[in-house]
Amino acid sequence: MTDPLLWGRELQVVCDVLRSGGVPAGDLGAGAAPAASQNAPLYSSCADFLYAAEHPAPRFGSGAFLTALDATFAELAGSALAKVDYGKPHASLPLRRCRPRRPPAGWTASSWSATTR
């Protein structure tokens, strides 16, 4: 996803794609409307709500559009938007990455597995 220029149009297109199984212009049948639920996956690679630029105030990033999409889809479909976020790590990732891979000397297998979840 890139930063959209015309949010209203882009929100409409993304919602149509998500609710139509990925083919918004496909034949839905006579008088049929797109499904109420999400039928196509959504992947995001940049969830920054704000970013710094040459402008003196922070600017909206792709995360602001995703926030608008979340609210629009929930209102339209009556269910939460399911998405997979890639990109910058979440707060829990560094803790999982820094955890030792082998138990320290003297630990039993059961005590090690209980602390690594």
PDB file of N, CA and C in Angstrom:
ATOM      1  N   MET A   1       0.850  -1.160   0.000  1.00  0.00           N
ATOM      2  CA  MET A   1       0.000   0.000   0.000  1.00  0.00           C
ATOM      3  C   MET A   1       0.901   1.229   0.000  1.00  0.00           C
ATOM      4  N   THR A   2       0.517   2.215  -0.748  1.00  0.00           N
ATOM      5  CA  THR A   2       1.218   3.485  -0.711  1.00  0.00           C
ATOM      6  C   THR A   2       0.287   4.518  -0.087  1.00  0.00           C
ATOM      7  N   ASP A   3       0.817   5.690   0.171  1.00  0.00           N
ATOM      8  CA  ASP A   3      -0.033   6.740   0.725  1.00  0.00           C
ATOM      9  C   ASP A   3      -1.017   7.195  -0.344  1.00  0.00           C
ATOM     10  N   PRO A   4      -2.320   7.027  -0.113  1.00  0.00           N
ATOM     11  CA  PRO A   4      -3.305   7.428  -1.120  1.00  0.00           C
ATOM     12  C   PRO A   4      -3.454   8.941  -1.195  1.00  0.00           C
ATOM     13  N   LEU A   5      -3.825   9.408  -2.353  1.00  0.00           N
ATOM     14  CA  LEU A   5      -4.047  10.837  -2.549  1.00  0.00           C
ATOM     15  C   LEU A   5      -5.505  11.211  -2.309  1.00  0.00           C
ATOM     16  N   LEU A   6      -6.415  10.378  -2.768  1.00  0.00           N
ATOM     17  CA  LEU A   6      -7.847  10.631  -2.634  1.00  0.00           C
ATOM     18  C   LEU A   6      -8.441   9.562  -1.720  1.00  0.00           C
ATOM     19  N   TRP A   7      -8.439   9.837  -0.417  1.00  0.00           N
ATOM     20  CA  TRP A   7      -8.793   8.832   0.567  1.00  0.00           C
ATOM     21  C   TRP A   7     -10.180   8.239   0.354  1.00  0.00           C
ATOM     22  N   GLY A   8     -11.157   9.042   0.007  1.00  0.00           N
ATOM     23  CA  GLY A   8     -12.510   8.527  -0.182  1.00  0.00           C
ATOM     24  C   GLY A   8     -12.561   7.478  -1.274  1.00  0.00           C
ATOM     25  N   ARG A   9     -11.950   7.775  -2.414  1.00  0.00           N
ATOM     26  CA  ARG A   9     -11.932   6.824  -3.521  1.00  0.00           C
ATOM     27  C   ARG A   9     -11.148   5.580  -3.151  1.00  0.00           C
ATOM     28  N   GLU A  10      -9.995   5.754  -2.513  1.00  0.00           N
ATOM     29  CA  GLU A  10      -9.150   4.615  -2.153  1.00  0.00           C
ATOM     30  C   GLU A  10      -9.821   3.731  -1.099  1.00  0.00           C
ATOM     31  N   LEU A  11     -10.498   4.341  -0.125  1.00  0.00           N
ATOM     32  CA  LEU A  11     -11.231   3.550   0.873  1.00  0.00           C
ATOM     33  C   LEU A  11     -12.314   2.717   0.188  1.00  0.00           C
ATOM     34  N   GLN A  12     -13.016   3.319  -0.784  1.00  0.00           N
ATOM     35  CA  GLN A  12     -14.077   2.594  -1.504  1.00  0.00           C
ATOM     36  C   GLN A  12     -13.505   1.412  -2.271  1.00  0.00           C
ATOM     37  N   VAL A  13     -12.403   1.626  -2.981  1.00  0.00           N
ATOM     38  CA  VAL A  13     -11.798   0.555  -3.776  1.00  0.00           C
ATOM     39  C   VAL A  13     -11.294  -0.575  -2.885  1.00  0.00           C
ATOM     40  N   VAL A  14     -10.598  -0.239  -1.802  1.00  0.00           N
ATOM     41  CA  VAL A  14     -10.070  -1.276  -0.909  1.00  0.00           C
ATOM     42  C   VAL A  14     -11.210  -2.062  -0.269  1.00  0.00           C
ATOM     43  N   CYS A  15     -12.262  -1.388   0.178  1.00  0.00           N
ATOM     44  CA  CYS A  15     -13.407  -2.092   0.774  1.00  0.00           C
ATOM     45  C   CYS A  15     -14.077  -2.990  -0.259  1.00  0.00           C
ATOM     46  N   ASP A  16     -14.207  -2.525  -1.493  1.00  0.00           N
ATOM     47  CA  ASP A  16     -14.794  -3.356  -2.555  1.00  0.00           C
ATOM     48  C   ASP A  16     -13.949  -4.602  -2.800  1.00  0.00           C
ATOM     49  N   VAL A  17     -12.639  -4.432  -2.862  1.00  0.00           N
ATOM     50  CA  VAL A  17     -11.751  -5.573  -3.099  1.00  0.00           C
ATOM     51  C   VAL A  17     -11.823  -6.563  -1.943  1.00  0.00           C
ATOM     52  N   LEU A  18     -11.788  -6.065  -0.723  1.00  0.00           N
ATOM     53  CA  LEU A  18     -11.825  -6.946   0.448  1.00  0.00           C
ATOM     54  C   LEU A  18     -13.122  -7.736   0.541  1.00  0.00           C
ATOM     55  N   ARG A  19     -14.218  -7.137   0.134  1.00  0.00           N
ATOM     56  CA  ARG A  19     -15.525  -7.788   0.261  1.00  0.00           C
ATOM     57  C   ARG A  19     -15.920  -8.607  -0.960  1.00  0.00           C
ATOM     58  N   SER A  20     -15.149  -8.538  -2.023  1.00  0.00           N
ATOM     59  CA  SER A  20     -15.538  -9.242  -3.243  1.00  0.00           C
ATOM     60  C   SER A  20     -14.642 -10.433  -3.552  1.00  0.00           C
ATOM     61  N   GLY A  21     -13.764 -10.787  -2.649  1.00  0.00           N
ATOM     62  CA  GLY A  21     -12.850 -11.897  -2.920  1.00  0.00           C
ATOM     63  C   GLY A  21     -11.685 -11.480  -3.786  1.00  0.00           C
ATOM     64  N   GLY A  22     -11.437 -10.195  -3.891  1.00  0.00           N
ATOM     65  CA  GLY A  22     -10.289  -9.696  -4.644  1.00  0.00           C
ATOM     66  C   GLY A  22     -10.600  -9.264  -6.053  1.00  0.00           C
ATOM     67  N   VAL A  23     -11.860  -9.364  -6.498  1.00  0.00           N
ATOM     68  CA  VAL A  23     -12.221  -8.989  -7.873  1.00  0.00           C
ATOM     69  C   VAL A  23     -13.429  -8.048  -7.818  1.00  0.00           C
ATOM     70  N   PRO A  24     -13.221  -6.762  -7.530  1.00  0.00           N
ATOM     71  CA  PRO A  24     -14.353  -5.859  -7.349  1.00  0.00           C
ATOM     72  C   PRO A  24     -15.170  -5.639  -8.614  1.00  0.00           C
ATOM     73  N   ALA A  25     -14.574  -5.801  -9.784  1.00  0.00           N
ATOM     74  CA  ALA A  25     -15.301  -5.586 -11.032  1.00  0.00           C
ATOM     75  C   ALA A  25     -15.876  -6.879 -11.575  1.00  0.00           C
ATOM     76  N   GLY A  26     -15.697  -7.976 -10.830  1.00  0.00           N
ATOM     77  CA  GLY A  26     -16.196  -9.272 -11.290  1.00  0.00           C
ATOM     78  C   GLY A  26     -17.710  -9.333 -11.256  1.00  0.00           C
ATOM     79  N   ASP A  27     -18.266 -10.320 -11.931  1.00  0.00           N
ATOM     80  CA  ASP A  27     -19.702 -10.515 -11.994  1.00  0.00           C
ATOM     81  C   ASP A  27     -20.195 -11.077 -10.663  1.00  0.00           C
ATOM     82  N   LEU A  28     -20.990 -10.293  -9.962  1.00  0.00           N
ATOM     83  CA  LEU A  28     -21.522 -10.716  -8.667  1.00  0.00           C
ATOM     84  C   LEU A  28     -22.916 -11.306  -8.810  1.00  0.00           C
ATOM     85  N   GLY A  29     -23.416 -11.372 -10.027  1.00  0.00           N
ATOM     86  CA  GLY A  29     -24.779 -11.845 -10.249  1.00  0.00           C
ATOM     87  C   GLY A  29     -25.730 -10.665 -10.336  1.00  0.00           C
ATOM     88  N   ALA A  30     -26.887 -10.904 -10.856  1.00  0.00           N
ATOM     89  CA  ALA A  30     -27.861  -9.835 -11.061  1.00  0.00           C
ATOM     90  C   ALA A  30     -28.275  -9.207  -9.738  1.00  0.00           C
ATOM     91  N   GLY A  31     -27.997  -7.942  -9.601  1.00  0.00           N
ATOM     92  CA  GLY A  31     -28.397  -7.192  -8.421  1.00  0.00           C
ATOM     93  C   GLY A  31     -27.648  -7.537  -7.153  1.00  0.00           C
ATOM     94  N   ALA A  32     -26.645  -8.398  -7.257  1.00  0.00           N
ATOM     95  CA  ALA A  32     -25.912  -8.812  -6.056  1.00  0.00           C
ATOM     96  C   ALA A  32     -24.971  -7.704  -5.598  1.00  0.00           C
ATOM     97  N   ALA A  33     -24.797  -7.610  -4.316  1.00  0.00           N
ATOM     98  CA  ALA A  33     -23.856  -6.655  -3.731  1.00  0.00           C
ATOM     99  C   ALA A  33     -22.667  -7.423  -3.186  1.00  0.00           C
ATOM    100  N   PRO A  34     -21.551  -6.750  -2.985  1.00  0.00           N
ATOM    101  CA  PRO A  34     -20.405  -7.439  -2.376  1.00  0.00           C
ATOM    102  C   PRO A  34     -20.781  -8.015  -1.010  1.00  0.00           C
ATOM    103  N   ALA A  35     -20.090  -9.043  -0.625  1.00  0.00           N
ATOM    104  CA  ALA A  35     -20.347  -9.697   0.656  1.00  0.00           C
ATOM    105  C   ALA A  35     -20.149  -8.723   1.809  1.00  0.00           C
ATOM    106  N   ALA A  36     -20.839  -8.985   2.898  1.00  0.00           N
ATOM    107  CA  ALA A  36     -20.714  -8.129   4.077  1.00  0.00           C
ATOM    108  C   ALA A  36     -19.415  -8.390   4.817  1.00  0.00           C
ATOM    109  N   SER A  37     -18.840  -9.579   4.664  1.00  0.00           N
ATOM    110  CA  SER A  37     -17.625  -9.905   5.405  1.00  0.00           C
ATOM    111  C   SER A  37     -16.397  -9.826   4.502  1.00  0.00           C
ATOM    112  N   GLN A  38     -15.262  -9.890   5.118  1.00  0.00           N
ATOM    113  CA  GLN A  38     -13.985  -9.803   4.400  1.00  0.00           C
ATOM    114  C   GLN A  38     -13.694 -11.125   3.695  1.00  0.00           C
ATOM    115  N   ASN A  39     -13.462 -11.068   2.395  1.00  0.00           N
ATOM    116  CA  ASN A  39     -13.208 -12.265   1.602  1.00  0.00           C
ATOM    117  C   ASN A  39     -11.834 -12.274   0.950  1.00  0.00           C
ATOM    118  N   ALA A  40     -11.019 -11.305   1.232  1.00  0.00           N
ATOM    119  CA  ALA A  40      -9.668 -11.242   0.673  1.00  0.00           C
ATOM    120  C   ALA A  40      -8.728 -10.794   1.786  1.00  0.00           C
ATOM    121  N   PRO A  41      -7.492 -11.289   1.786  1.00  0.00           N
ATOM    122  CA  PRO A  41      -6.545 -10.887   2.833  1.00  0.00           C
ATOM    123  C   PRO A  41      -6.035  -9.462   2.628  1.00  0.00           C
ATOM    124  N   LEU A  42      -5.635  -8.830   3.705  1.00  0.00           N
ATOM    125  CA  LEU A  42      -5.032  -7.501   3.646  1.00  0.00           C
ATOM    126  C   LEU A  42      -3.692  -7.560   4.371  1.00  0.00           C
ATOM    127  N   TYR A  43      -2.647  -7.116   3.705  1.00  0.00           N
ATOM    128  CA  TYR A  43      -1.303  -7.081   4.270  1.00  0.00           C
ATOM    129  C   TYR A  43      -0.843  -5.640   4.320  1.00  0.00           C
ATOM    130  N   SER A  44      -0.226  -5.258   5.409  1.00  0.00           N
ATOM    131  CA  SER A  44       0.268  -3.898   5.588  1.00  0.00           C
ATOM    132  C   SER A  44       1.754  -3.942   5.922  1.00  0.00           C
ATOM    133  N   SER A  45       2.514  -3.046   5.323  1.00  0.00           N
ATOM    134  CA  SER A  45       3.950  -3.040   5.601  1.00  0.00           C
ATOM    135  C   SER A  45       4.421  -1.750   6.259  1.00  0.00           C
ATOM    136  N   CYS A  46       3.528  -0.827   6.489  1.00  0.00           N
ATOM    137  CA  CYS A  46       3.932   0.427   7.138  1.00  0.00           C
ATOM    138  C   CYS A  46       2.762   0.950   7.948  1.00  0.00           C
ATOM    139  N   ALA A  47       2.842   0.804   9.241  1.00  0.00           N
ATOM    140  CA  ALA A  47       1.746   1.216  10.108  1.00  0.00           C
ATOM    141  C   ALA A  47       2.018   2.541  10.823  1.00  0.00           C
ATOM    142  N   ASP A  48       2.978   3.322  10.339  1.00  0.00           N
ATOM    143  CA  ASP A  48       3.274   4.604  10.970  1.00  0.00           C
ATOM    144  C   ASP A  48       2.089   5.554  10.821  1.00  0.00           C
ATOM    145  N   PHE A  49       1.529   6.005  11.942  1.00  0.00           N
ATOM    146  CA  PHE A  49       0.409   6.942  11.885  1.00  0.00           C
ATOM    147  C   PHE A  49       0.905   8.333  11.502  1.00  0.00           C
ATOM    148  N   LEU A  50       2.022   8.729  12.041  1.00  0.00           N
ATOM    149  CA  LEU A  50       2.632  10.030  11.736  1.00  0.00           C
ATOM    150  C   LEU A  50       4.082   9.834  11.332  1.00  0.00           C
ATOM    151  N   TYR A  51       4.600  10.772  10.561  1.00  0.00           N
ATOM    152  CA  TYR A  51       6.019  10.755  10.250  1.00  0.00           C
ATOM    153  C   TYR A  51       6.531  12.187  10.194  1.00  0.00           C
ATOM    154  N   ALA A  52       7.822  12.349  10.352  1.00  0.00           N
ATOM    155  CA  ALA A  52       8.439  13.671  10.306  1.00  0.00           C
ATOM    156  C   ALA A  52       8.828  13.996   8.876  1.00  0.00           C
ATOM    157  N   ALA A  53       8.605  15.218   8.494  1.00  0.00           N
ATOM    158  CA  ALA A  53       8.962  15.674   7.145  1.00  0.00           C
ATOM    159  C   ALA A  53       9.505  17.090   7.260  1.00  0.00           C
ATOM    160  N   GLU A  54       9.687  17.736   6.135  1.00  0.00           N
ATOM    161  CA  GLU A  54      10.186  19.110   6.157  1.00  0.00           C
ATOM    162  C   GLU A  54       9.146  20.077   6.705  1.00  0.00           C
ATOM    163  N   HIS A  55       7.894  19.684   6.690  1.00  0.00           N
ATOM    164  CA  HIS A  55       6.835  20.523   7.240  1.00  0.00           C
ATOM    165  C   HIS A  55       7.027  20.618   8.748  1.00  0.00           C
ATOM    166  N   PRO A  56       6.729  21.749   9.370  1.00  0.00           N
ATOM    167  CA  PRO A  56       6.975  21.882  10.815  1.00  0.00           C
ATOM    168  C   PRO A  56       6.109  20.989  11.696  1.00  0.00           C
ATOM    169  N   ALA A  57       4.969  20.532  11.205  1.00  0.00           N
ATOM    170  CA  ALA A  57       4.108  19.634  11.989  1.00  0.00           C
ATOM    171  C   ALA A  57       4.181  18.224  11.400  1.00  0.00           C
ATOM    172  N   PRO A  58       4.028  17.197  12.235  1.00  0.00           N
ATOM    173  CA  PRO A  58       4.051  15.823  11.707  1.00  0.00           C
ATOM    174  C   PRO A  58       2.977  15.621  10.636  1.00  0.00           C
ATOM    175  N   ARG A  59       3.243  14.743   9.701  1.00  0.00           N
ATOM    176  CA  ARG A  59       2.335  14.431   8.589  1.00  0.00           C
ATOM    177  C   ARG A  59       1.723  13.053   8.796  1.00  0.00           C
ATOM    178  N   PHE A  60       0.528  12.845   8.263  1.00  0.00           N
ATOM    179  CA  PHE A  60      -0.094  11.522   8.328  1.00  0.00           C
ATOM    180  C   PHE A  60       0.694  10.538   7.484  1.00  0.00           C
ATOM    181  N   GLY A  61       0.879   9.336   8.030  1.00  0.00           N
ATOM    182  CA  GLY A  61       1.508   8.262   7.286  1.00  0.00           C
ATOM    183  C   GLY A  61       0.474   7.232   6.867  1.00  0.00           C
ATOM    184  N   SER A  62       0.935   6.110   6.360  1.00  0.00           N
ATOM    185  CA  SER A  62       0.026   5.053   5.909  1.00  0.00           C
ATOM    186  C   SER A  62      -0.825   4.512   7.047  1.00  0.00           C
ATOM    187  N   GLY A  63      -0.303   4.585   8.260  1.00  0.00           N
ATOM    188  CA  GLY A  63      -1.075   4.114   9.408  1.00  0.00           C
ATOM    189  C   GLY A  63      -2.346   4.913   9.628  1.00  0.00           C
ATOM    190  N   ALA A  64      -2.344   6.190   9.263  1.00  0.00           N
ATOM    191  CA  ALA A  64      -3.557   6.998   9.382  1.00  0.00           C
ATOM    192  C   ALA A  64      -4.618   6.488   8.410  1.00  0.00           C
ATOM    193  N   PHE A  65      -4.195   6.134   7.202  1.00  0.00           N
ATOM    194  CA  PHE A  65      -5.136   5.563   6.234  1.00  0.00           C
ATOM    195  C   PHE A  65      -5.661   4.217   6.726  1.00  0.00           C
ATOM    196  N   LEU A  66      -4.792   3.398   7.313  1.00  0.00           N
ATOM    197  CA  LEU A  66      -5.233   2.106   7.846  1.00  0.00           C
ATOM    198  C   LEU A  66      -6.244   2.282   8.975  1.00  0.00           C
ATOM    199  N   THR A  67      -6.058   3.305   9.792  1.00  0.00           N
ATOM    200  CA  THR A  67      -7.010   3.600  10.862  1.00  0.00           C
ATOM    201  C   THR A  67      -8.365   3.976  10.271  1.00  0.00           C
ATOM    202  N   ALA A  68      -8.350   4.817   9.221  1.00  0.00           N
ATOM    203  CA  ALA A  68      -9.597   5.186   8.543  1.00  0.00           C
ATOM    204  C   ALA A  68     -10.228   3.963   7.880  1.00  0.00           C
ATOM    205  N   LEU A  69      -9.412   3.106   7.296  1.00  0.00           N
ATOM    206  CA  LEU A  69      -9.919   1.886   6.663  1.00  0.00           C
ATOM    207  C   LEU A  69     -10.544   0.953   7.698  1.00  0.00           C
ATOM    208  N   ASP A  70      -9.895   0.791   8.852  1.00  0.00           N
ATOM    209  CA  ASP A  70     -10.449  -0.033   9.935  1.00  0.00           C
ATOM    210  C   ASP A  70     -11.855   0.438  10.316  1.00  0.00           C
ATOM    211  N   ALA A  71     -12.000   1.748  10.528  1.00  0.00           N
ATOM    212  CA  ALA A  71     -13.289   2.305  10.944  1.00  0.00           C
ATOM    213  C   ALA A  71     -14.328   2.190   9.835  1.00  0.00           C
ATOM    214  N   THR A  72     -13.932   2.463   8.599  1.00  0.00           N
ATOM    215  CA  THR A  72     -14.859   2.394   7.468  1.00  0.00           C
ATOM    216  C   THR A  72     -15.336   0.963   7.240  1.00  0.00           C
ATOM    217  N   PHE A  73     -14.403   0.008   7.264  1.00  0.00           N
ATOM    218  CA  PHE A  73     -14.764  -1.389   7.030  1.00  0.00           C
ATOM    219  C   PHE A  73     -15.680  -1.908   8.138  1.00  0.00           C
ATOM    220  N   ALA A  74     -15.386  -1.559   9.388  1.00  0.00           N
ATOM    221  CA  ALA A  74     -16.212  -2.002  10.512  1.00  0.00           C
ATOM    222  C   ALA A  74     -17.632  -1.458  10.376  1.00  0.00           C
ATOM    223  N   GLU A  75     -17.763  -0.223   9.956  1.00  0.00           N
ATOM    224  CA  GLU A  75     -19.093   0.374   9.766  1.00  0.00           C
ATOM    225  C   GLU A  75     -19.828  -0.277   8.598  1.00  0.00           C
ATOM    226  N   LEU A  76     -19.116  -0.547   7.538  1.00  0.00           N
ATOM    227  CA  LEU A  76     -19.701  -1.114   6.324  1.00  0.00           C
ATOM    228  C   LEU A  76     -20.061  -2.587   6.487  1.00  0.00           C
ATOM    229  N   ALA A  77     -19.133  -3.369   7.014  1.00  0.00           N
ATOM    230  CA  ALA A  77     -19.312  -4.822   7.077  1.00  0.00           C
ATOM    231  C   ALA A  77     -19.864  -5.300   8.417  1.00  0.00           C
ATOM    232  N   GLY A  78     -19.788  -4.469   9.434  1.00  0.00           N
ATOM    233  CA  GLY A  78     -20.256  -4.887  10.746  1.00  0.00           C
ATOM    234  C   GLY A  78     -19.306  -5.826  11.461  1.00  0.00           C
ATOM    235  N   SER A  79     -18.077  -5.929  10.954  1.00  0.00           N
ATOM    236  CA  SER A  79     -17.071  -6.782  11.594  1.00  0.00           C
ATOM    237  C   SER A  79     -15.708  -6.101  11.481  1.00  0.00           C
ATOM    238  N   ALA A  80     -14.806  -6.520  12.337  1.00  0.00           N
ATOM    239  CA  ALA A  80     -13.467  -5.926  12.343  1.00  0.00           C
ATOM    240  C   ALA A  80     -12.676  -6.355  11.107  1.00  0.00           C
ATOM    241  N   LEU A  81     -11.820  -5.492  10.652  1.00  0.00           N
ATOM    242  CA  LEU A  81     -10.937  -5.759   9.533  1.00  0.00           C
ATOM    243  C   LEU A  81      -9.791  -6.651   9.993  1.00  0.00           C
ATOM    244  N   ALA A  82      -9.542  -7.733   9.275  1.00  0.00           N
ATOM    245  CA  ALA A  82      -8.424  -8.620   9.605  1.00  0.00           C
ATOM    246  C   ALA A  82      -7.250  -8.269   8.701  1.00  0.00           C
ATOM    247  N   LYS A  83      -6.105  -8.013   9.302  1.00  0.00           N
ATOM    248  CA  LYS A  83      -4.935  -7.686   8.486  1.00  0.00           C
ATOM    249  C   LYS A  83      -3.679  -8.259   9.114  1.00  0.00           C
ATOM    250  N   VAL A  84      -2.672  -8.429   8.293  1.00  0.00           N
ATOM    251  CA  VAL A  84      -1.372  -8.906   8.741  1.00  0.00           C
ATOM    252  C   VAL A  84      -0.404  -7.741   8.584  1.00  0.00           C
ATOM    253  N   ASP A  85       0.233  -7.365   9.674  1.00  0.00           N
ATOM    254  CA  ASP A  85       1.183  -6.252   9.660  1.00  0.00           C
ATOM    255  C   ASP A  85       2.603  -6.769   9.503  1.00  0.00           C
ATOM    256  N   TYR A  86       3.307  -6.225   8.543  1.00  0.00           N
ATOM    257  CA  TYR A  86       4.725  -6.489   8.364  1.00  0.00           C
ATOM    258  C   TYR A  86       5.459  -5.173   8.574  1.00  0.00           C
ATOM    259  N   GLY A  87       6.773  -5.224   8.637  1.00  0.00           N
ATOM    260  CA  GLY A  87       7.527  -3.988   8.765  1.00  0.00           C
ATOM    261  C   GLY A  87       8.171  -3.870  10.118  1.00  0.00           C
ATOM    262  N   LYS A  88       8.010  -2.731  10.736  1.00  0.00           N
ATOM    263  CA  LYS A  88       8.643  -2.458  12.016  1.00  0.00           C
ATOM    264  C   LYS A  88       8.133  -3.419  13.071  1.00  0.00           C
ATOM    265  N   PRO A  89       9.009  -3.874  13.943  1.00  0.00           N
ATOM    266  CA  PRO A  89       8.583  -4.851  14.952  1.00  0.00           C
ATOM    267  C   PRO A  89       7.644  -4.244  15.981  1.00  0.00           C
ATOM    268  N   HIS A  90       6.823  -5.092  16.538  1.00  0.00           N
ATOM    269  CA  HIS A  90       5.953  -4.694  17.631  1.00  0.00           C
ATOM    270  C   HIS A  90       6.753  -4.781  18.928  1.00  0.00           C
ATOM    271  N   ALA A  91       6.217  -4.237  19.990  1.00  0.00           N
ATOM    272  CA  ALA A  91       6.949  -4.148  21.258  1.00  0.00           C
ATOM    273  C   ALA A  91       7.383  -5.508  21.789  1.00  0.00           C
ATOM    274  N   SER A  92       6.621  -6.562  21.552  1.00  0.00           N
ATOM    275  CA  SER A  92       6.973  -7.861  22.115  1.00  0.00           C
ATOM    276  C   SER A  92       8.093  -8.563  21.335  1.00  0.00           C
ATOM    277  N   LEU A  93       8.329  -8.172  20.096  1.00  0.00           N
ATOM    278  CA  LEU A  93       9.324  -8.867  19.283  1.00  0.00           C
ATOM    279  C   LEU A  93      10.735  -8.790  19.868  1.00  0.00           C
ATOM    280  N   PRO A  94      11.232  -7.635  20.299  1.00  0.00           N
ATOM    281  CA  PRO A  94      12.596  -7.612  20.852  1.00  0.00           C
ATOM    282  C   PRO A  94      12.755  -8.530  22.056  1.00  0.00           C
ATOM    283  N   LEU A  95      11.720  -8.644  22.871  1.00  0.00           N
ATOM    284  CA  LEU A  95      11.819  -9.527  24.035  1.00  0.00           C
ATOM    285  C   LEU A  95      11.948 -10.982  23.607  1.00  0.00           C
ATOM    286  N   ARG A  96      11.183 -11.384  22.590  1.00  0.00           N
ATOM    287  CA  ARG A  96      11.275 -12.763  22.102  1.00  0.00           C
ATOM    288  C   ARG A  96      12.620 -13.012  21.435  1.00  0.00           C
ATOM    289  N   ARG A  97      13.147 -12.045  20.709  1.00  0.00           N
ATOM    290  CA  ARG A  97      14.414 -12.222  19.994  1.00  0.00           C
ATOM    291  C   ARG A  97      15.601 -12.286  20.948  1.00  0.00           C
ATOM    292  N   CYS A  98      15.509 -11.569  22.060  1.00  0.00           N
ATOM    293  CA  CYS A  98      16.629 -11.513  23.002  1.00  0.00           C
ATOM    294  C   CYS A  98      16.639 -12.678  23.979  1.00  0.00           C
ATOM    295  N   ARG A  99      15.556 -13.414  24.063  1.00  0.00           N
ATOM    296  CA  ARG A  99      15.476 -14.544  24.982  1.00  0.00           C
ATOM    297  C   ARG A  99      16.487 -15.607  24.568  1.00  0.00           C
ATOM    298  N   PRO A 100      17.220 -16.153  25.493  1.00  0.00           N
ATOM    299  CA  PRO A 100      18.201 -17.192  25.137  1.00  0.00           C
ATOM    300  C   PRO A 100      17.523 -18.389  24.486  1.00  0.00           C
ATOM    301  N   ARG A 101      18.245 -19.045  23.613  1.00  0.00           N
ATOM    302  CA  ARG A 101      17.704 -20.198  22.895  1.00  0.00           C
ATOM    303  C   ARG A 101      17.866 -21.509  23.660  1.00  0.00           C
ATOM    304  N   ARG A 102      18.831 -21.578  24.537  1.00  0.00           N
ATOM    305  CA  ARG A 102      19.051 -22.790  25.333  1.00  0.00           C
ATOM    306  C   ARG A 102      18.847 -22.462  26.796  1.00  0.00           C
ATOM    307  N   PRO A 103      18.339 -23.427  27.554  1.00  0.00           N
ATOM    308  CA  PRO A 103      18.144 -23.154  28.980  1.00  0.00           C
ATOM    309  C   PRO A 103      19.482 -23.026  29.701  1.00  0.00           C
ATOM    310  N   PRO A 104      19.552 -22.160  30.686  1.00  0.00           N
ATOM    311  CA  PRO A 104      20.761 -22.054  31.496  1.00  0.00           C
ATOM    312  C   PRO A 104      21.022 -23.363  32.236  1.00  0.00           C
ATOM    313  N   ALA A 105      22.241 -23.572  32.628  1.00  0.00           N
ATOM    314  CA  ALA A 105      22.624 -24.795  33.346  1.00  0.00           C
ATOM    315  C   ALA A 105      21.779 -24.941  34.607  1.00  0.00           C
ATOM    316  N   GLY A 106      21.296 -26.155  34.838  1.00  0.00           N
ATOM    317  CA  GLY A 106      20.522 -26.433  36.039  1.00  0.00           C
ATOM    318  C   GLY A 106      19.021 -26.303  35.855  1.00  0.00           C
ATOM    319  N   TRP A 107      18.557 -25.782  34.734  1.00  0.00           N
ATOM    320  CA  TRP A 107      17.121 -25.662  34.508  1.00  0.00           C
ATOM    321  C   TRP A 107      16.588 -26.968  33.956  1.00  0.00           C
ATOM    322  N   THR A 108      15.369 -27.292  34.347  1.00  0.00           N
ATOM    323  CA  THR A 108      14.724 -28.486  33.792  1.00  0.00           C
ATOM    324  C   THR A 108      13.952 -28.091  32.547  1.00  0.00           C
ATOM    325  N   ALA A 109      13.621 -29.055  31.726  1.00  0.00           N
ATOM    326  CA  ALA A 109      12.880 -28.794  30.491  1.00  0.00           C
ATOM    327  C   ALA A 109      11.530 -28.154  30.798  1.00  0.00           C
ATOM    328  N   SER A 110      10.858 -28.604  31.846  1.00  0.00           N
ATOM    329  CA  SER A 110       9.528 -28.064  32.151  1.00  0.00           C
ATOM    330  C   SER A 110       9.615 -26.611  32.621  1.00  0.00           C
ATOM    331  N   SER A 111      10.608 -26.262  33.402  1.00  0.00           N
ATOM    332  CA  SER A 111      10.700 -24.874  33.850  1.00  0.00           C
ATOM    333  C   SER A 111      11.137 -23.962  32.716  1.00  0.00           C
ATOM    334  N   TRP A 112      11.949 -24.472  31.786  1.00  0.00           N
ATOM    335  CA  TRP A 112      12.386 -23.658  30.641  1.00  0.00           C
ATOM    336  C   TRP A 112      11.211 -23.373  29.708  1.00  0.00           C
ATOM    337  N   SER A 113      10.418 -24.397  29.385  1.00  0.00           N
ATOM    338  CA  SER A 113       9.313 -24.187  28.443  1.00  0.00           C
ATOM    339  C   SER A 113       8.259 -23.262  29.021  1.00  0.00           C
ATOM    340  N   ALA A 114       8.088 -23.255  30.330  1.00  0.00           N
ATOM    341  CA  ALA A 114       7.101 -22.377  30.927  1.00  0.00           C
ATOM    342  C   ALA A 114       7.515 -20.906  30.858  1.00  0.00           C
ATOM    343  N   THR A 115       8.810 -20.629  30.794  1.00  0.00           N
ATOM    344  CA  THR A 115       9.251 -19.231  30.754  1.00  0.00           C
ATOM    345  C   THR A 115       9.466 -18.723  29.332  1.00  0.00           C
ATOM    346  N   THR A 116       9.374 -19.586  28.332  1.00  0.00           N
ATOM    347  CA  THR A 116       9.641 -19.135  26.964  1.00  0.00           C
ATOM    348  C   THR A 116       8.372 -18.896  26.154  1.00  0.00           C
ATOM    349  N   ARG A 117       7.244 -18.981  26.767  1.00  0.00           N
ATOM    350  CA  ARG A 117       5.975 -18.742  26.040  1.00  0.00           C
ATOM    351  C   ARG A 117       5.567 -17.316  26.140  1.00  0.00           C
TER     352      ARG A 117
END
